[in-house]
């Protein structure tokens, strides 16, 4: 993520995109971003967002921080996108995303998706 920021590949600054952090007692405990899904063909990106680079410090996992951040990013996606996708290989993260309403999918470059409206 840091390399993509430095080289300008991903600054989370496209239409509908966002990057957020969660602080507790002045300490950054979680970060996450939302992009138009870069793994889809260009003509399909406008309707699908991707949850990216969601990280929660180990000491803050299972404390609801990741779920709160995920819900905030999804709410930011809703006005612009119809759907949000993500990819995770971590069983704990998968369970957290599923508690947030994501469903498992078998799609190239995605393990989970959430339909926001129509489509």
Protein backbone atom coordinates (compact mmCIF):
# COMPACT_ATOMS: atom_id res chain seq x y z
CA UNK A 1 0.00 0.00 0.00
CA UNK A 2 2.78 2.44 0.90
CA UNK A 3 4.59 1.75 -2.39
CA UNK A 4 1.38 2.34 -4.39
CA UNK A 5 0.87 5.62 -2.52
CA UNK A 6 4.43 6.77 -3.19
CA UNK A 7 4.39 5.93 -6.89
CA UNK A 8 0.89 7.37 -7.37
CA UNK A 9 -0.67 4.06 -8.44
CA UNK A 10 -3.28 4.25 -5.69
CA UNK A 11 -4.08 7.34 -3.67
CA UNK A 12 -7.74 6.47 -2.98
CA UNK A 13 -8.68 9.73 -4.67
CA UNK A 14 -10.88 8.60 -7.57
CA UNK A 15 -14.64 9.24 -7.66
CA UNK A 16 -16.22 7.53 -4.67
CA UNK A 17 -12.90 6.31 -3.29
CA UNK A 18 -11.80 6.78 0.33
CA UNK A 19 -9.11 5.89 2.84
CA UNK A 20 -9.80 5.89 6.57
CA UNK A 21 -7.95 5.25 9.81
CA UNK A 22 -9.18 4.43 13.29
CA UNK A 23 -7.44 5.96 16.27
CA UNK A 24 -7.75 4.92 19.91
CA UNK A 25 -6.06 7.08 22.56
CA UNK A 26 -4.06 8.79 19.82
CA UNK A 27 -2.75 5.53 18.37
CA UNK A 28 -3.57 4.39 14.82
CA UNK A 29 -5.11 0.94 15.30
CA UNK A 30 -6.70 0.23 11.90
CA UNK A 31 -6.69 1.45 8.31
CA UNK A 32 -8.65 0.59 5.22
CA UNK A 33 -9.52 1.88 1.79
CA UNK A 34 -12.13 1.78 -0.89
CA UNK A 35 -11.40 1.87 -4.62
CA UNK A 36 -13.22 1.30 -7.86
CA UNK A 37 -12.37 -2.39 -8.26
CA UNK A 38 -9.09 -2.44 -10.23
CA UNK A 39 -9.40 -6.16 -10.98
CA UNK A 40 -12.44 -5.66 -13.20
CA UNK A 41 -12.39 -4.48 -16.81
CA UNK A 42 -12.39 -0.69 -17.02
CA UNK A 43 -15.99 -0.55 -18.28
CA UNK A 44 -17.22 -2.51 -15.22
CA UNK A 45 -15.34 -0.58 -12.52
CA UNK A 46 -17.85 2.22 -12.10
CA UNK A 47 -20.42 0.00 -10.44
CA UNK A 48 -18.16 -2.11 -8.23
CA UNK A 49 -15.97 -0.97 -5.38
CA UNK A 50 -13.25 -2.93 -3.69
CA UNK A 51 -12.38 -2.95 -0.02
CA UNK A 52 -8.57 -2.80 0.07
CA UNK A 53 -5.71 -2.74 2.52
CA UNK A 54 -7.83 -3.24 5.62
CA UNK A 55 -5.41 -3.78 8.48
CA UNK A 56 -6.13 -3.94 12.21
CA UNK A 57 -3.35 -4.05 14.78
CA UNK A 58 -3.18 -7.45 16.41
CA UNK A 59 -4.01 -6.09 19.88
CA UNK A 60 -7.21 -4.54 18.48
CA UNK A 61 -8.53 -7.53 16.58
CA UNK A 62 -11.77 -9.04 17.86
CA UNK A 63 -12.62 -5.70 19.49
CA UNK A 64 -15.05 -4.58 16.78
CA UNK A 65 -12.65 -2.08 15.20
CA UNK A 66 -12.38 -3.92 11.87
CA UNK A 67 -16.14 -4.36 11.61
CA UNK A 68 -16.76 -0.68 12.41
CA UNK A 69 -14.22 0.39 9.79
CA UNK A 70 -15.71 -2.01 7.23
CA UNK A 71 -19.22 -0.68 7.86
CA UNK A 72 -17.99 2.90 7.46
CA UNK A 73 -16.28 2.12 4.16
CA UNK A 74 -19.39 0.31 2.90
CA UNK A 75 -21.53 3.32 3.81
CA UNK A 76 -19.13 5.54 1.85
CA UNK A 77 -19.45 3.18 -1.14
CA UNK A 78 -23.25 3.13 -1.16
CA UNK A 79 -23.93 6.46 -2.91
CA UNK A 80 -21.61 5.68 -5.83
CA UNK A 81 -21.34 1.89 -6.19
CA UNK A 82 -23.82 -0.99 -6.52
CA UNK A 83 -21.51 -3.64 -5.13
CA UNK A 84 -18.36 -4.07 -3.01
CA UNK A 85 -15.86 -6.92 -3.45
CA UNK A 86 -12.79 -8.02 -1.50
CA UNK A 87 -10.30 -10.83 -1.22
CA UNK A 88 -9.06 -12.41 1.98
CA UNK A 89 -7.29 -15.63 2.83
CA UNK A 90 -7.56 -15.13 6.59
CA UNK A 91 -10.37 -17.17 8.19
CA UNK A 92 -10.89 -14.62 11.00
CA UNK A 93 -11.16 -11.75 8.53
CA UNK A 94 -13.58 -13.78 6.39
CA UNK A 95 -15.85 -14.33 9.40
CA UNK A 96 -15.75 -10.62 10.24
CA UNK A 97 -16.67 -9.63 6.67
CA UNK A 98 -19.50 -12.17 6.68
CA UNK A 99 -20.84 -10.68 9.94
CA UNK A 100 -20.82 -7.33 8.09
CA UNK A 101 -23.09 -8.80 5.37
CA UNK A 102 -20.55 -9.94 2.77
CA UNK A 103 -21.18 -13.30 1.12
CA UNK A 104 -18.61 -15.78 -0.13
CA UNK A 105 -18.24 -15.73 -3.91
CA UNK A 106 -16.30 -17.74 -6.43
CA UNK A 107 -15.11 -14.97 -8.72
CA UNK A 108 -11.71 -14.18 -10.14
CA UNK A 109 -9.83 -11.91 -7.71
CA UNK A 110 -12.55 -11.94 -5.02
CA UNK A 111 -13.57 -14.15 -2.12
CA UNK A 112 -16.48 -12.02 -0.85
CA UNK A 113 -19.00 -9.53 -2.21
CA UNK A 114 -21.80 -7.35 -0.89
CA UNK A 115 -24.66 -6.12 -3.05
CA UNK A 116 -25.59 -2.57 -2.05
CA UNK A 117 -28.47 -1.97 -4.45
CA UNK A 118 -29.99 -3.31 -7.69
CA UNK A 119 -27.98 -4.98 -10.37
